[in-house]
C-alpha atoms as a PDB file:
ATOM      1  CA  MET A   1       0.190   0.061   0.019  1.00  0.00           C
ATOM      2  CA  ALA A   2       1.591   3.281  -0.767  1.00  0.00           C
ATOM      3  CA  LYS A   3       1.586   6.215   1.668  1.00  0.00           C
ATOM      4  CA  ASP A   4       0.953   9.963   0.691  1.00  0.00           C
ATOM      5  CA  ARG A   5       3.404  11.788   2.356  1.00  0.00           C
ATOM      6  CA  ALA A   6       4.509  15.728   2.191  1.00  0.00           C
ATOM      7  CA  PHE A   7       6.531  18.049   3.206  1.00  0.00           C
ATOM      8  CA  ILE A   8       5.621  21.803   4.383  1.00  0.00           C
ATOM      9  CA  GLY A   9       7.882  24.621   5.697  1.00  0.00           C
ATOM     10  CA  LEU A  10       5.873  27.531   7.539  1.00  0.00           C
ATOM     11  CA  GLY A  11       7.990  30.859   8.264  1.00  0.00           C
ATOM     12  CA  ALA A  12       8.303  31.613  11.983  1.00  0.00           C
ATOM     13  CA  CYS A  13      11.390  33.647  12.208  1.00  0.00           C
ATOM     14  CA  PRO A  14      10.603  36.235  14.510  1.00  0.00           C
ATOM     15  CA  PRO A  15       9.971  39.762  12.769  1.00  0.00           C
ATOM     16  CA  ASP A  16      12.675  41.657  14.486  1.00  0.00           C
ATOM     17  CA  ARG A  17      15.383  39.028  12.965  1.00  0.00           C
ATOM     18  CA  ASP A  18      16.923  39.118   9.558  1.00  0.00           C
ATOM     19  CA  LEU A  19      15.884  35.991   7.976  1.00  0.00           C
ATOM     20  CA  ALA A  20      19.020  35.858   6.009  1.00  0.00           C
ATOM     21  CA  THR A  21      21.359  35.677   9.530  1.00  0.00           C
ATOM     22  CA  ALA A  22      19.292  33.733  11.934  1.00  0.00           C
ATOM     23  CA  PRO A  23      20.044  30.503  13.636  1.00  0.00           C
ATOM     24  CA  MET A  24      18.835  27.893  12.078  1.00  0.00           C
ATOM     25  CA  ASN A  25      16.146  25.615  13.455  1.00  0.00           C
ATOM     26  CA  HIS A  26      18.039  23.435  15.303  1.00  0.00           C
ATOM     27  CA  SER A  27      20.397  26.127  16.889  1.00  0.00           C
ATOM     28  CA  PRO A  28      19.872  26.746  20.543  1.00  0.00           C
ATOM     29  CA  GLN A  29      19.568  30.203  19.429  1.00  0.00           C
ATOM     30  CA  ALA A  30      16.772  29.822  17.011  1.00  0.00           C
ATOM     31  CA  ALA A  31      13.885  31.941  17.869  1.00  0.00           C
ATOM     32  CA  TYR A  32      10.473  31.382  16.443  1.00  0.00           C
ATOM     33  CA  ASP A  33       7.296  33.809  16.080  1.00  0.00           C
ATOM     34  CA  ASP A  34       4.417  31.612  17.930  1.00  0.00           C
ATOM     35  CA  ALA A  35       1.713  34.390  15.928  1.00  0.00           C
ATOM     36  CA  VAL A  36       2.387  31.854  13.074  1.00  0.00           C
ATOM     37  CA  LEU A  37       0.511  29.147  14.939  1.00  0.00           C
ATOM     38  CA  PRO A  38      -3.038  29.574  14.101  1.00  0.00           C
ATOM     39  CA  ASP A  39      -2.167  29.932  10.372  1.00  0.00           C
ATOM     40  CA  ALA A  40      -0.318  26.828  10.684  1.00  0.00           C
ATOM     41  CA  ALA A  41      -3.784  25.604  13.005  1.00  0.00           C
ATOM     42  CA  ALA A  42      -5.791  26.291   9.812  1.00  0.00           C
ATOM     43  CA  LEU A  43      -3.513  24.873   7.287  1.00  0.00           C
ATOM     44  CA  LEU A  44      -3.131  21.654   8.547  1.00  0.00           C
ATOM     45  CA  ALA A  45      -7.197  21.836   9.421  1.00  0.00           C
ATOM     46  CA  GLU A  46      -7.400  22.476   5.636  1.00  0.00           C
ATOM     47  CA  LEU A  47      -5.184  19.980   4.623  1.00  0.00           C
ATOM     48  CA  ALA A  48      -7.282  17.107   6.819  1.00  0.00           C
ATOM     49  CA  VAL A  49     -10.474  18.138   5.434  1.00  0.00           C
ATOM     50  CA  ARG A  50      -9.414  17.894   1.904  1.00  0.00           C
ATOM     51  CA  ARG A  51      -7.297  14.919   2.640  1.00  0.00           C
ATOM     52  CA  LEU A  52     -10.813  12.975   4.491  1.00  0.00           C
ATOM     53  CA  ALA A  53     -13.263  14.615   1.312  1.00  0.00           C
ATOM     54  CA  THR A  54     -11.249  12.095  -1.127  1.00  0.00           C
ATOM     55  CA  ALA A  55     -11.241   8.737   1.513  1.00  0.00           C
END
């Protein structure tokens, strides 16, 4: 049985940091803007709804 796979990148770099020089995700100095969480939740919910609609 084939498994569907996807990767989605959603930026969460705080607005006061320069994306070009900000530490990478796995760095101890990495910082994230929690304001992206509602958008991330909405995106994942929409993907789930679309997937369930095709099941």
